Amino acid sequence: MANILIADDSYSELQIFQATLEPTGHRLITVMDGEAAEEKVKAEPINLIILDVIMPKKNGFQVCRTLKTDEKYKHIPIIMCTQKDQDSDKFWGMKQGADEYLTKPFNPADLVRLVKKYLS
């Protein structure tokens, strides 16, 4: 069982993530801002991160860049999942070190497939 950190400032989006990923059997940890996401990663072992971009305190791009430039955390796969759907947003997300970039609304099967890909 892996620990999946989900960072999104929308309670309803967090519920969608939980409903989608609970059947995978992994432990889901949720936070609602970028600073809390960084704190969780430093506090306990995380195997995969799902990050929204638009969040309070620190946005997903900042969190991704911080974690991917730190030797201790750069190995953790990050799936950015956001409503920011412009090509420039996707480019910027990948430039920050994201392993995948999904736009909302996402296909639940696509998210499950990516989770399995990075946790296998």
PDB file of N, CA and C in Angstrom:
ATOM      1  N   MET A   1       0.844  -1.182   0.000  1.00  0.00           N
ATOM      2  CA  MET A   1       0.000   0.000   0.000  1.00  0.00           C
ATOM      3  C   MET A   1       0.890   1.247   0.000  1.00  0.00           C
ATOM      4  N   ALA A   2       0.627   2.141  -0.920  1.00  0.00           N
ATOM      5  CA  ALA A   2       1.411   3.369  -1.048  1.00  0.00           C
ATOM      6  C   ALA A   2       0.671   4.538  -0.395  1.00  0.00           C
ATOM      7  N   ASN A   3       1.426   5.576  -0.047  1.00  0.00           N
ATOM      8  CA  ASN A   3       0.855   6.817   0.464  1.00  0.00           C
ATOM      9  C   ASN A   3       0.759   7.810  -0.680  1.00  0.00           C
ATOM     10  N   ILE A   4      -0.464   8.239  -0.990  1.00  0.00           N
ATOM     11  CA  ILE A   4      -0.693   9.223  -2.046  1.00  0.00           C
ATOM     12  C   ILE A   4      -1.133  10.527  -1.401  1.00  0.00           C
ATOM     13  N   LEU A   5      -0.365  11.589  -1.645  1.00  0.00           N
ATOM     14  CA  LEU A   5      -0.715  12.916  -1.152  1.00  0.00           C
ATOM     15  C   LEU A   5      -1.505  13.641  -2.238  1.00  0.00           C
ATOM     16  N   ILE A   6      -2.671  14.152  -1.869  1.00  0.00           N
ATOM     17  CA  ILE A   6      -3.504  14.909  -2.801  1.00  0.00           C
ATOM     18  C   ILE A   6      -3.633  16.326  -2.249  1.00  0.00           C
ATOM     19  N   ALA A   7      -3.182  17.314  -3.018  1.00  0.00           N
ATOM     20  CA  ALA A   7      -3.247  18.715  -2.598  1.00  0.00           C
ATOM     21  C   ALA A   7      -4.173  19.472  -3.543  1.00  0.00           C
ATOM     22  N   ASP A   8      -5.298  19.922  -3.013  1.00  0.00           N
ATOM     23  CA  ASP A   8      -6.280  20.673  -3.801  1.00  0.00           C
ATOM     24  C   ASP A   8      -7.069  21.536  -2.830  1.00  0.00           C
ATOM     25  N   ASP A   9      -7.330  22.792  -3.200  1.00  0.00           N
ATOM     26  CA  ASP A   9      -8.028  23.685  -2.277  1.00  0.00           C
ATOM     27  C   ASP A   9      -9.548  23.582  -2.370  1.00  0.00           C
ATOM     28  N   SER A  10     -10.055  22.681  -3.179  1.00  0.00           N
ATOM     29  CA  SER A  10     -11.499  22.495  -3.321  1.00  0.00           C
ATOM     30  C   SER A  10     -11.929  21.203  -2.626  1.00  0.00           C
ATOM     31  N   TYR A  11     -12.812  21.348  -1.648  1.00  0.00           N
ATOM     32  CA  TYR A  11     -13.292  20.170  -0.924  1.00  0.00           C
ATOM     33  C   TYR A  11     -13.997  19.192  -1.871  1.00  0.00           C
ATOM     34  N   SER A  12     -14.790  19.716  -2.804  1.00  0.00           N
ATOM     35  CA  SER A  12     -15.504  18.825  -3.732  1.00  0.00           C
ATOM     36  C   SER A  12     -14.528  18.095  -4.651  1.00  0.00           C
ATOM     37  N   GLU A  13     -13.444  18.760  -5.069  1.00  0.00           N
ATOM     38  CA  GLU A  13     -12.432  18.089  -5.890  1.00  0.00           C
ATOM     39  C   GLU A  13     -11.738  16.991  -5.087  1.00  0.00           C
ATOM     40  N   LEU A  14     -11.448  17.265  -3.816  1.00  0.00           N
ATOM     41  CA  LEU A  14     -10.831  16.243  -2.970  1.00  0.00           C
ATOM     42  C   LEU A  14     -11.733  15.016  -2.864  1.00  0.00           C
ATOM     43  N   GLN A  15     -13.037  15.241  -2.766  1.00  0.00           N
ATOM     44  CA  GLN A  15     -13.980  14.124  -2.699  1.00  0.00           C
ATOM     45  C   GLN A  15     -13.959  13.309  -3.988  1.00  0.00           C
ATOM     46  N   ILE A  16     -13.838  13.980  -5.123  1.00  0.00           N
ATOM     47  CA  ILE A  16     -13.769  13.279  -6.415  1.00  0.00           C
ATOM     48  C   ILE A  16     -12.496  12.434  -6.476  1.00  0.00           C
ATOM     49  N   PHE A  17     -11.375  13.011  -6.046  1.00  0.00           N
ATOM     50  CA  PHE A  17     -10.121  12.249  -6.019  1.00  0.00           C
ATOM     51  C   PHE A  17     -10.253  11.027  -5.117  1.00  0.00           C
ATOM     52  N   GLN A  18     -10.839  11.219  -3.946  1.00  0.00           N
ATOM     53  CA  GLN A  18     -10.978  10.104  -3.007  1.00  0.00           C
ATOM     54  C   GLN A  18     -11.872   9.014  -3.583  1.00  0.00           C
ATOM     55  N   ALA A  19     -12.998   9.391  -4.171  1.00  0.00           N
ATOM     56  CA  ALA A  19     -13.909   8.393  -4.747  1.00  0.00           C
ATOM     57  C   ALA A  19     -13.230   7.642  -5.891  1.00  0.00           C
ATOM     58  N   THR A  20     -12.396   8.340  -6.642  1.00  0.00           N
ATOM     59  CA  THR A  20     -11.694   7.725  -7.774  1.00  0.00           C
ATOM     60  C   THR A  20     -10.592   6.781  -7.304  1.00  0.00           C
ATOM     61  N   LEU A  21      -9.861   7.176  -6.262  1.00  0.00           N
ATOM     62  CA  LEU A  21      -8.653   6.437  -5.880  1.00  0.00           C
ATOM     63  C   LEU A  21      -8.818   5.475  -4.703  1.00  0.00           C
ATOM     64  N   GLU A  22      -9.883   5.614  -3.917  1.00  0.00           N
ATOM     65  CA  GLU A  22     -10.065   4.685  -2.793  1.00  0.00           C
ATOM     66  C   GLU A  22     -10.069   3.222  -3.228  1.00  0.00           C
ATOM     67  N   PRO A  23     -10.709   2.884  -4.360  1.00  0.00           N
ATOM     68  CA  PRO A  23     -10.705   1.476  -4.781  1.00  0.00           C
ATOM     69  C   PRO A  23      -9.315   0.912  -5.100  1.00  0.00           C
ATOM     70  N   THR A  24      -8.314   1.770  -5.271  1.00  0.00           N
ATOM     71  CA  THR A  24      -6.966   1.262  -5.552  1.00  0.00           C
ATOM     72  C   THR A  24      -6.315   0.677  -4.305  1.00  0.00           C
ATOM     73  N   GLY A  25      -6.891   0.957  -3.132  1.00  0.00           N
ATOM     74  CA  GLY A  25      -6.368   0.390  -1.896  1.00  0.00           C
ATOM     75  C   GLY A  25      -5.209   1.147  -1.277  1.00  0.00           C
ATOM     76  N   HIS A  26      -4.819   2.252  -1.851  1.00  0.00           N
ATOM     77  CA  HIS A  26      -3.714   3.034  -1.304  1.00  0.00           C
ATOM     78  C   HIS A  26      -4.223   3.976  -0.216  1.00  0.00           C
ATOM     79  N   ARG A  27      -3.312   4.449   0.622  1.00  0.00           N
ATOM     80  CA  ARG A  27      -3.652   5.408   1.672  1.00  0.00           C
ATOM     81  C   ARG A  27      -3.655   6.804   1.062  1.00  0.00           C
ATOM     82  N   LEU A  28      -4.767   7.504   1.199  1.00  0.00           N
ATOM     83  CA  LEU A  28      -4.908   8.839   0.626  1.00  0.00           C
ATOM     84  C   LEU A  28      -4.779   9.872   1.739  1.00  0.00           C
ATOM     85  N   ILE A  29      -3.899  10.833   1.533  1.00  0.00           N
ATOM     86  CA  ILE A  29      -3.665  11.918   2.489  1.00  0.00           C
ATOM     87  C   ILE A  29      -4.028  13.206   1.755  1.00  0.00           C
ATOM     88  N   THR A  30      -4.916  14.009   2.329  1.00  0.00           N
ATOM     89  CA  THR A  30      -5.351  15.219   1.635  1.00  0.00           C
ATOM     90  C   THR A  30      -4.961  16.472   2.411  1.00  0.00           C
ATOM     91  N   VAL A  31      -4.582  17.495   1.650  1.00  0.00           N
ATOM     92  CA  VAL A  31      -4.296  18.820   2.194  1.00  0.00           C
ATOM     93  C   VAL A  31      -4.910  19.845   1.246  1.00  0.00           C
ATOM     94  N   MET A  32      -5.091  21.085   1.761  1.00  0.00           N
ATOM     95  CA  MET A  32      -5.807  22.078   0.965  1.00  0.00           C
ATOM     96  C   MET A  32      -4.979  23.302   0.588  1.00  0.00           C
ATOM     97  N   ASP A  33      -3.652  23.242   0.773  1.00  0.00           N
ATOM     98  CA  ASP A  33      -2.812  24.346   0.294  1.00  0.00           C
ATOM     99  C   ASP A  33      -1.388  23.844   0.061  1.00  0.00           C
ATOM    100  N   GLY A  34      -0.622  24.638  -0.646  1.00  0.00           N
ATOM    101  CA  GLY A  34       0.721  24.236  -1.037  1.00  0.00           C
ATOM    102  C   GLY A  34       1.690  24.082   0.125  1.00  0.00           C
ATOM    103  N   GLU A  35       1.608  24.965   1.113  1.00  0.00           N
ATOM    104  CA  GLU A  35       2.503  24.847   2.268  1.00  0.00           C
ATOM    105  C   GLU A  35       2.232  23.553   3.028  1.00  0.00           C
ATOM    106  N   ALA A  36       0.959  23.213   3.202  1.00  0.00           N
ATOM    107  CA  ALA A  36       0.600  21.971   3.895  1.00  0.00           C
ATOM    108  C   ALA A  36       1.109  20.757   3.124  1.00  0.00           C
ATOM    109  N   ALA A  37       1.090  20.842   1.791  1.00  0.00           N
ATOM    110  CA  ALA A  37       1.601  19.739   0.972  1.00  0.00           C
ATOM    111  C   ALA A  37       3.088  19.517   1.249  1.00  0.00           C
ATOM    112  N   GLU A  38       3.857  20.601   1.250  1.00  0.00           N
ATOM    113  CA  GLU A  38       5.299  20.480   1.523  1.00  0.00           C
ATOM    114  C   GLU A  38       5.549  19.943   2.927  1.00  0.00           C
ATOM    115  N   GLU A  39       4.773  20.400   3.894  1.00  0.00           N
ATOM    116  CA  GLU A  39       4.935  19.929   5.276  1.00  0.00           C
ATOM    117  C   GLU A  39       4.658  18.428   5.371  1.00  0.00           C
ATOM    118  N   LYS A  40       3.606  17.951   4.700  1.00  0.00           N
ATOM    119  CA  LYS A  40       3.263  16.518   4.734  1.00  0.00           C
ATOM    120  C   LYS A  40       4.384  15.678   4.140  1.00  0.00           C
ATOM    121  N   VAL A  41       4.936  16.130   3.023  1.00  0.00           N
ATOM    122  CA  VAL A  41       6.006  15.372   2.364  1.00  0.00           C
ATOM    123  C   VAL A  41       7.207  15.237   3.299  1.00  0.00           C
ATOM    124  N   LYS A  42       7.482  16.283   4.050  1.00  0.00           N
ATOM    125  CA  LYS A  42       8.621  16.254   4.971  1.00  0.00           C
ATOM    126  C   LYS A  42       8.317  15.468   6.240  1.00  0.00           C
ATOM    127  N   ALA A  43       7.033  15.285   6.563  1.00  0.00           N
ATOM    128  CA  ALA A  43       6.640  14.649   7.819  1.00  0.00           C
ATOM    129  C   ALA A  43       6.472  13.137   7.716  1.00  0.00           C
ATOM    130  N   GLU A  44       6.116  12.646   6.540  1.00  0.00           N
ATOM    131  CA  GLU A  44       5.902  11.205   6.410  1.00  0.00           C
ATOM    132  C   GLU A  44       6.220  10.732   4.998  1.00  0.00           C
ATOM    133  N   PRO A  45       6.460   9.421   4.851  1.00  0.00           N
ATOM    134  CA  PRO A  45       6.825   8.921   3.519  1.00  0.00           C
ATOM    135  C   PRO A  45       5.655   9.031   2.540  1.00  0.00           C
ATOM    136  N   ILE A  46       5.915   9.667   1.418  1.00  0.00           N
ATOM    137  CA  ILE A  46       4.904   9.835   0.368  1.00  0.00           C
ATOM    138  C   ILE A  46       5.443   9.155  -0.889  1.00  0.00           C
ATOM    139  N   ASN A  47       4.590   8.375  -1.552  1.00  0.00           N
ATOM    140  CA  ASN A  47       5.004   7.636  -2.747  1.00  0.00           C
ATOM    141  C   ASN A  47       4.573   8.305  -4.049  1.00  0.00           C
ATOM    142  N   LEU A  48       3.555   9.175  -3.978  1.00  0.00           N
ATOM    143  CA  LEU A  48       3.024   9.841  -5.168  1.00  0.00           C
ATOM    144  C   LEU A  48       2.298  11.098  -4.716  1.00  0.00           C
ATOM    145  N   ILE A  49       2.407  12.160  -5.512  1.00  0.00           N
ATOM    146  CA  ILE A  49       1.732  13.422  -5.193  1.00  0.00           C
ATOM    147  C   ILE A  49       0.838  13.819  -6.360  1.00  0.00           C
ATOM    148  N   ILE A  50      -0.388  14.208  -6.032  1.00  0.00           N
ATOM    149  CA  ILE A  50      -1.309  14.780  -7.015  1.00  0.00           C
ATOM    150  C   ILE A  50      -1.518  16.230  -6.587  1.00  0.00           C
ATOM    151  N   LEU A  51      -1.133  17.159  -7.459  1.00  0.00           N
ATOM    152  CA  LEU A  51      -1.112  18.585  -7.116  1.00  0.00           C
ATOM    153  C   LEU A  51      -2.022  19.412  -7.992  1.00  0.00           C
ATOM    154  N   ASP A  52      -2.868  20.211  -7.362  1.00  0.00           N
ATOM    155  CA  ASP A  52      -3.584  21.255  -8.082  1.00  0.00           C
ATOM    156  C   ASP A  52      -2.582  22.389  -8.294  1.00  0.00           C
ATOM    157  N   VAL A  53      -2.855  23.262  -9.240  1.00  0.00           N
ATOM    158  CA  VAL A  53      -1.961  24.401  -9.449  1.00  0.00           C
ATOM    159  C   VAL A  53      -2.415  25.594  -8.618  1.00  0.00           C
ATOM    160  N   ILE A  54      -3.695  25.928  -8.701  1.00  0.00           N
ATOM    161  CA  ILE A  54      -4.197  27.128  -8.036  1.00  0.00           C
ATOM    162  C   ILE A  54      -4.612  26.774  -6.610  1.00  0.00           C
ATOM    163  N   MET A  55      -3.731  27.106  -5.661  1.00  0.00           N
ATOM    164  CA  MET A  55      -3.981  26.849  -4.239  1.00  0.00           C
ATOM    165  C   MET A  55      -3.453  28.022  -3.425  1.00  0.00           C
ATOM    166  N   PRO A  56      -3.983  28.192  -2.206  1.00  0.00           N
ATOM    167  CA  PRO A  56      -3.460  29.266  -1.350  1.00  0.00           C
ATOM    168  C   PRO A  56      -2.065  28.950  -0.809  1.00  0.00           C
ATOM    169  N   LYS A  57      -1.409  29.974  -0.320  1.00  0.00           N
ATOM    170  CA  LYS A  57      -0.094  29.951   0.326  1.00  0.00           C
ATOM    171  C   LYS A  57       1.044  29.656  -0.640  1.00  0.00           C
ATOM    172  N   LYS A  58       0.980  28.547  -1.364  1.00  0.00           N
ATOM    173  CA  LYS A  58       1.957  28.228  -2.411  1.00  0.00           C
ATOM    174  C   LYS A  58       1.204  27.513  -3.515  1.00  0.00           C
ATOM    175  N   ASN A  59       1.436  27.914  -4.760  1.00  0.00           N
ATOM    176  CA  ASN A  59       0.733  27.216  -5.836  1.00  0.00           C
ATOM    177  C   ASN A  59       1.451  25.909  -6.186  1.00  0.00           C
ATOM    178  N   GLY A  60       0.769  25.098  -6.985  1.00  0.00           N
ATOM    179  CA  GLY A  60       1.309  23.788  -7.336  1.00  0.00           C
ATOM    180  C   GLY A  60       2.626  23.854  -8.099  1.00  0.00           C
ATOM    181  N   PHE A  61       2.797  24.868  -8.941  1.00  0.00           N
ATOM    182  CA  PHE A  61       4.064  25.022  -9.660  1.00  0.00           C
ATOM    183  C   PHE A  61       5.212  25.225  -8.662  1.00  0.00           C
ATOM    184  N   GLN A  62       4.982  26.072  -7.647  1.00  0.00           N
ATOM    185  CA  GLN A  62       6.019  26.351  -6.647  1.00  0.00           C
ATOM    186  C   GLN A  62       6.346  25.098  -5.837  1.00  0.00           C
ATOM    187  N   VAL A  63       5.304  24.367  -5.424  1.00  0.00           N
ATOM    188  CA  VAL A  63       5.512  23.140  -4.642  1.00  0.00           C
ATOM    189  C   VAL A  63       6.297  22.122  -5.462  1.00  0.00           C
ATOM    190  N   CYS A  64       5.908  21.952  -6.711  1.00  0.00           N
ATOM    191  CA  CYS A  64       6.574  20.999  -7.597  1.00  0.00           C
ATOM    192  C   CYS A  64       8.053  21.354  -7.740  1.00  0.00           C
ATOM    193  N   ARG A  65       8.333  22.605  -8.026  1.00  0.00           N
ATOM    194  CA  ARG A  65       9.716  23.048  -8.206  1.00  0.00           C
ATOM    195  C   ARG A  65      10.534  22.837  -6.931  1.00  0.00           C
ATOM    196  N   THR A  66       9.959  23.181  -5.777  1.00  0.00           N
ATOM    197  CA  THR A  66      10.650  23.008  -4.499  1.00  0.00           C
ATOM    198  C   THR A  66      11.006  21.544  -4.265  1.00  0.00           C
ATOM    199  N   LEU A  67      10.048  20.646  -4.481  1.00  0.00           N
ATOM    200  CA  LEU A  67      10.283  19.222  -4.217  1.00  0.00           C
ATOM    201  C   LEU A  67      11.222  18.602  -5.245  1.00  0.00           C
ATOM    202  N   LYS A  68      11.088  18.977  -6.508  1.00  0.00           N
ATOM    203  CA  LYS A  68      11.904  18.365  -7.559  1.00  0.00           C
ATOM    204  C   LYS A  68      13.350  18.867  -7.568  1.00  0.00           C
ATOM    205  N   THR A  69      13.617  19.952  -6.851  1.00  0.00           N
ATOM    206  CA  THR A  69      15.001  20.425  -6.768  1.00  0.00           C
ATOM    207  C   THR A  69      15.649  20.019  -5.447  1.00  0.00           C
ATOM    208  N   ASP A  70      14.943  19.225  -4.641  1.00  0.00           N
ATOM    209  CA  ASP A  70      15.475  18.751  -3.360  1.00  0.00           C
ATOM    210  C   ASP A  70      15.842  17.271  -3.498  1.00  0.00           C
ATOM    211  N   GLU A  71      17.096  16.950  -3.236  1.00  0.00           N
ATOM    212  CA  GLU A  71      17.582  15.566  -3.391  1.00  0.00           C
ATOM    213  C   GLU A  71      16.731  14.551  -2.622  1.00  0.00           C
ATOM    214  N   LYS A  72      16.193  14.952  -1.475  1.00  0.00           N
ATOM    215  CA  LYS A  72      15.413  14.031  -0.642  1.00  0.00           C
ATOM    216  C   LYS A  72      14.060  13.678  -1.249  1.00  0.00           C
ATOM    217  N   TYR A  73      13.515  14.562  -2.082  1.00  0.00           N
ATOM    218  CA  TYR A  73      12.136  14.385  -2.541  1.00  0.00           C
ATOM    219  C   TYR A  73      11.974  14.311  -4.049  1.00  0.00           C
ATOM    220  N   LYS A  74      13.046  14.545  -4.803  1.00  0.00           N
ATOM    221  CA  LYS A  74      12.901  14.637  -6.264  1.00  0.00           C
ATOM    222  C   LYS A  74      12.457  13.334  -6.924  1.00  0.00           C
ATOM    223  N   HIS A  75      12.615  12.209  -6.216  1.00  0.00           N
ATOM    224  CA  HIS A  75      12.218  10.903  -6.764  1.00  0.00           C
ATOM    225  C   HIS A  75      10.707  10.670  -6.701  1.00  0.00           C
ATOM    226  N   ILE A  76       9.976  11.490  -5.928  1.00  0.00           N
ATOM    227  CA  ILE A  76       8.535  11.282  -5.774  1.00  0.00           C
ATOM    228  C   ILE A  76       7.815  11.752  -7.044  1.00  0.00           C
ATOM    229  N   PRO A  77       7.061  10.862  -7.697  1.00  0.00           N
ATOM    230  CA  PRO A  77       6.328  11.276  -8.898  1.00  0.00           C
ATOM    231  C   PRO A  77       5.252  12.305  -8.555  1.00  0.00           C
ATOM    232  N   ILE A  78       5.111  13.296  -9.412  1.00  0.00           N
ATOM    233  CA  ILE A  78       4.097  14.341  -9.231  1.00  0.00           C
ATOM    234  C   ILE A  78       3.198  14.388 -10.462  1.00  0.00           C
ATOM    235  N   ILE A  79       1.893  14.247 -10.204  1.00  0.00           N
ATOM    236  CA  ILE A  79       0.877  14.421 -11.249  1.00  0.00           C
ATOM    237  C   ILE A  79       0.198  15.752 -10.963  1.00  0.00           C
ATOM    238  N   MET A  80       0.370  16.701 -11.860  1.00  0.00           N
ATOM    239  CA  MET A  80      -0.346  17.968 -11.714  1.00  0.00           C
ATOM    240  C   MET A  80      -1.731  17.760 -12.309  1.00  0.00           C
ATOM    241  N   CYS A  81      -2.751  18.160 -11.564  1.00  0.00           N
ATOM    242  CA  CYS A  81      -4.132  17.994 -12.018  1.00  0.00           C
ATOM    243  C   CYS A  81      -4.850  19.307 -11.755  1.00  0.00           C
ATOM    244  N   THR A  82      -5.171  20.016 -12.819  1.00  0.00           N
ATOM    245  CA  THR A  82      -5.629  21.396 -12.683  1.00  0.00           C
ATOM    246  C   THR A  82      -6.577  21.798 -13.800  1.00  0.00           C
ATOM    247  N   GLN A  83      -7.278  22.893 -13.574  1.00  0.00           N
ATOM    248  CA  GLN A  83      -8.134  23.452 -14.618  1.00  0.00           C
ATOM    249  C   GLN A  83      -7.332  24.302 -15.595  1.00  0.00           C
ATOM    250  N   LYS A  84      -6.091  24.601 -15.272  1.00  0.00           N
ATOM    251  CA  LYS A  84      -5.250  25.402 -16.170  1.00  0.00           C
ATOM    252  C   LYS A  84      -4.870  24.524 -17.362  1.00  0.00           C
ATOM    253  N   ASP A  85      -5.528  24.784 -18.483  1.00  0.00           N
ATOM    254  CA  ASP A  85      -5.435  23.863 -19.622  1.00  0.00           C
ATOM    255  C   ASP A  85      -4.748  24.426 -20.862  1.00  0.00           C
ATOM    256  N   GLN A  86      -4.093  25.557 -20.723  1.00  0.00           N
ATOM    257  CA  GLN A  86      -3.383  26.122 -21.871  1.00  0.00           C
ATOM    258  C   GLN A  86      -2.085  25.345 -22.097  1.00  0.00           C
ATOM    259  N   ASP A  87      -1.627  25.304 -23.328  1.00  0.00           N
ATOM    260  CA  ASP A  87      -0.359  24.637 -23.621  1.00  0.00           C
ATOM    261  C   ASP A  87       0.779  25.238 -22.792  1.00  0.00           C
ATOM    262  N   SER A  88       0.731  26.547 -22.578  1.00  0.00           N
ATOM    263  CA  SER A  88       1.793  27.201 -21.800  1.00  0.00           C
ATOM    264  C   SER A  88       1.771  26.737 -20.338  1.00  0.00           C
ATOM    265  N   ASP A  89       0.570  26.453 -19.806  1.00  0.00           N
ATOM    266  CA  ASP A  89       0.472  25.939 -18.432  1.00  0.00           C
ATOM    267  C   ASP A  89       1.086  24.553 -18.342  1.00  0.00           C
ATOM    268  N   LYS A  90       0.751  23.710 -19.305  1.00  0.00           N
ATOM    269  CA  LYS A  90       1.296  22.351 -19.309  1.00  0.00           C
ATOM    270  C   LYS A  90       2.827  22.412 -19.461  1.00  0.00           C
ATOM    271  N   PHE A  91       3.294  23.244 -20.362  1.00  0.00           N
ATOM    272  CA  PHE A  91       4.734  23.414 -20.557  1.00  0.00           C
ATOM    273  C   PHE A  91       5.393  23.835 -19.242  1.00  0.00           C
ATOM    274  N   TRP A  92       4.803  24.829 -18.561  1.00  0.00           N
ATOM    275  CA  TRP A  92       5.379  25.336 -17.326  1.00  0.00           C
ATOM    276  C   TRP A  92       5.360  24.255 -16.238  1.00  0.00           C
ATOM    277  N   GLY A  93       4.282  23.485 -16.150  1.00  0.00           N
ATOM    278  CA  GLY A  93       4.200  22.402 -15.172  1.00  0.00           C
ATOM    279  C   GLY A  93       5.294  21.368 -15.385  1.00  0.00           C
ATOM    280  N   MET A  94       5.511  20.974 -16.630  1.00  0.00           N
ATOM    281  CA  MET A  94       6.542  19.988 -16.932  1.00  0.00           C
ATOM    282  C   MET A  94       7.928  20.584 -16.681  1.00  0.00           C
ATOM    283  N   LYS A  95       8.076  21.876 -16.964  1.00  0.00           N
ATOM    284  CA  LYS A  95       9.349  22.564 -16.731  1.00  0.00           C
ATOM    285  C   LYS A  95       9.693  22.592 -15.237  1.00  0.00           C
ATOM    286  N   GLN A  96       8.660  22.620 -14.375  1.00  0.00           N
ATOM    287  CA  GLN A  96       8.880  22.619 -12.926  1.00  0.00           C
ATOM    288  C   GLN A  96       9.223  21.224 -12.402  1.00  0.00           C
ATOM    289  N   GLY A  97       9.070  20.210 -13.265  1.00  0.00           N
ATOM    290  CA  GLY A  97       9.443  18.860 -12.866  1.00  0.00           C
ATOM    291  C   GLY A  97       8.297  17.879 -12.756  1.00  0.00           C
ATOM    292  N   ALA A  98       7.084  18.300 -13.094  1.00  0.00           N
ATOM    293  CA  ALA A  98       5.942  17.389 -13.015  1.00  0.00           C
ATOM    294  C   ALA A  98       6.173  16.179 -13.927  1.00  0.00           C
ATOM    295  N   ASP A  99       5.748  15.023 -13.460  1.00  0.00           N
ATOM    296  CA  ASP A  99       5.879  13.806 -14.261  1.00  0.00           C
ATOM    297  C   ASP A  99       4.717  13.667 -15.240  1.00  0.00           C
ATOM    298  N   GLU A 100       3.547  14.180 -14.853  1.00  0.00           N
ATOM    299  CA  GLU A 100       2.356  14.146 -15.708  1.00  0.00           C
ATOM    300  C   GLU A 100       1.561  15.423 -15.466  1.00  0.00           C
ATOM    301  N   TYR A 101       0.716  15.764 -16.451  1.00  0.00           N
ATOM    302  CA  TYR A 101      -0.128  16.955 -16.348  1.00  0.00           C
ATOM    303  C   TYR A 101      -1.507  16.598 -16.860  1.00  0.00           C
ATOM    304  N   LEU A 102      -2.482  16.528 -15.956  1.00  0.00           N
ATOM    305  CA  LEU A 102      -3.869  16.227 -16.310  1.00  0.00           C
ATOM    306  C   LEU A 102      -4.708  17.482 -16.144  1.00  0.00           C
ATOM    307  N   THR A 103      -5.663  17.689 -17.024  1.00  0.00           N
ATOM    308  CA  THR A 103      -6.548  18.834 -16.850  1.00  0.00           C
ATOM    309  C   THR A 103      -7.908  18.370 -16.334  1.00  0.00           C
ATOM    310  N   LYS A 104      -8.521  19.227 -15.524  1.00  0.00           N
ATOM    311  CA  LYS A 104      -9.853  18.976 -14.982  1.00  0.00           C
ATOM    312  C   LYS A 104     -10.874  19.542 -15.954  1.00  0.00           C
ATOM    313  N   PRO A 105     -12.024  18.911 -16.086  1.00  0.00           N
ATOM    314  CA  PRO A 105     -12.365  17.644 -15.440  1.00  0.00           C
ATOM    315  C   PRO A 105     -11.584  16.499 -16.085  1.00  0.00           C
ATOM    316  N   PHE A 106     -11.094  15.587 -15.265  1.00  0.00           N
ATOM    317  CA  PHE A 106     -10.291  14.489 -15.773  1.00  0.00           C
ATOM    318  C   PHE A 106     -11.142  13.224 -15.895  1.00  0.00           C
ATOM    319  N   ASN A 107     -10.672  12.327 -16.723  1.00  0.00           N
ATOM    320  CA  ASN A 107     -11.299  11.015 -16.853  1.00  0.00           C
ATOM    321  C   ASN A 107     -10.759  10.167 -15.700  1.00  0.00           C
ATOM    322  N   PRO A 108     -11.636   9.664 -14.807  1.00  0.00           N
ATOM    323  CA  PRO A 108     -11.157   8.877 -13.669  1.00  0.00           C
ATOM    324  C   PRO A 108     -10.255   7.710 -14.073  1.00  0.00           C
ATOM    325  N   ALA A 109     -10.562   7.067 -15.198  1.00  0.00           N
ATOM    326  CA  ALA A 109      -9.739   5.938 -15.648  1.00  0.00           C
ATOM    327  C   ALA A 109      -8.317   6.402 -15.973  1.00  0.00           C
ATOM    328  N   ASP A 110      -8.171   7.612 -16.514  1.00  0.00           N
ATOM    329  CA  ASP A 110      -6.843   8.145 -16.815  1.00  0.00           C
ATOM    330  C   ASP A 110      -6.041   8.364 -15.533  1.00  0.00           C
ATOM    331  N   LEU A 111      -6.695   8.902 -14.506  1.00  0.00           N
ATOM    332  CA  LEU A 111      -5.993   9.128 -13.244  1.00  0.00           C
ATOM    333  C   LEU A 111      -5.566   7.798 -12.621  1.00  0.00           C
ATOM    334  N   VAL A 112      -6.460   6.823 -12.598  1.00  0.00           N
ATOM    335  CA  VAL A 112      -6.125   5.511 -12.027  1.00  0.00           C
ATOM    336  C   VAL A 112      -4.973   4.874 -12.800  1.00  0.00           C
ATOM    337  N   ARG A 113      -5.000   4.992 -14.123  1.00  0.00           N
ATOM    338  CA  ARG A 113      -3.925   4.441 -14.953  1.00  0.00           C
ATOM    339  C   ARG A 113      -2.583   5.083 -14.605  1.00  0.00           C
ATOM    340  N   LEU A 114      -2.560   6.405 -14.443  1.00  0.00           N
ATOM    341  CA  LEU A 114      -1.319   7.096 -14.100  1.00  0.00           C
ATOM    342  C   LEU A 114      -0.833   6.707 -12.706  1.00  0.00           C
ATOM    343  N   VAL A 115      -1.746   6.591 -11.759  1.00  0.00           N
ATOM    344  CA  VAL A 115      -1.359   6.175 -10.404  1.00  0.00           C
ATOM    345  C   VAL A 115      -0.722   4.792 -10.450  1.00  0.00           C
ATOM    346  N   LYS A 116      -1.342   3.872 -11.176  1.00  0.00           N
ATOM    347  CA  LYS A 116      -0.786   2.522 -11.288  1.00  0.00           C
ATOM    348  C   LYS A 116       0.583   2.552 -11.967  1.00  0.00           C
ATOM    349  N   LYS A 117       0.706   3.379 -12.996  1.00  0.00           N
ATOM    350  CA  LYS A 117       1.981   3.502 -13.729  1.00  0.00           C
ATOM    351  C   LYS A 117       3.111   3.906 -12.790  1.00  0.00           C
ATOM    352  N   TYR A 118       2.874   4.896 -11.935  1.00  0.00           N
ATOM    353  CA  TYR A 118       3.941   5.425 -11.089  1.00  0.00           C
ATOM    354  C   TYR A 118       4.135   4.652  -9.793  1.00  0.00           C
ATOM    355  N   LEU A 119       3.182   3.800  -9.433  1.00  0.00           N
ATOM    356  CA  LEU A 119       3.333   3.039  -8.200  1.00  0.00           C
ATOM    357  C   LEU A 119       3.674   1.588  -8.440  1.00  0.00           C
ATOM    358  N   SER A 120       3.803   1.193  -9.719  1.00  0.00           N
ATOM    359  CA  SER A 120       4.110  -0.218  -9.993  1.00  0.00           C
ATOM    360  C   SER A 120       5.605  -0.492  -9.903  1.00  0.00           C
TER     361      SER A 120
END
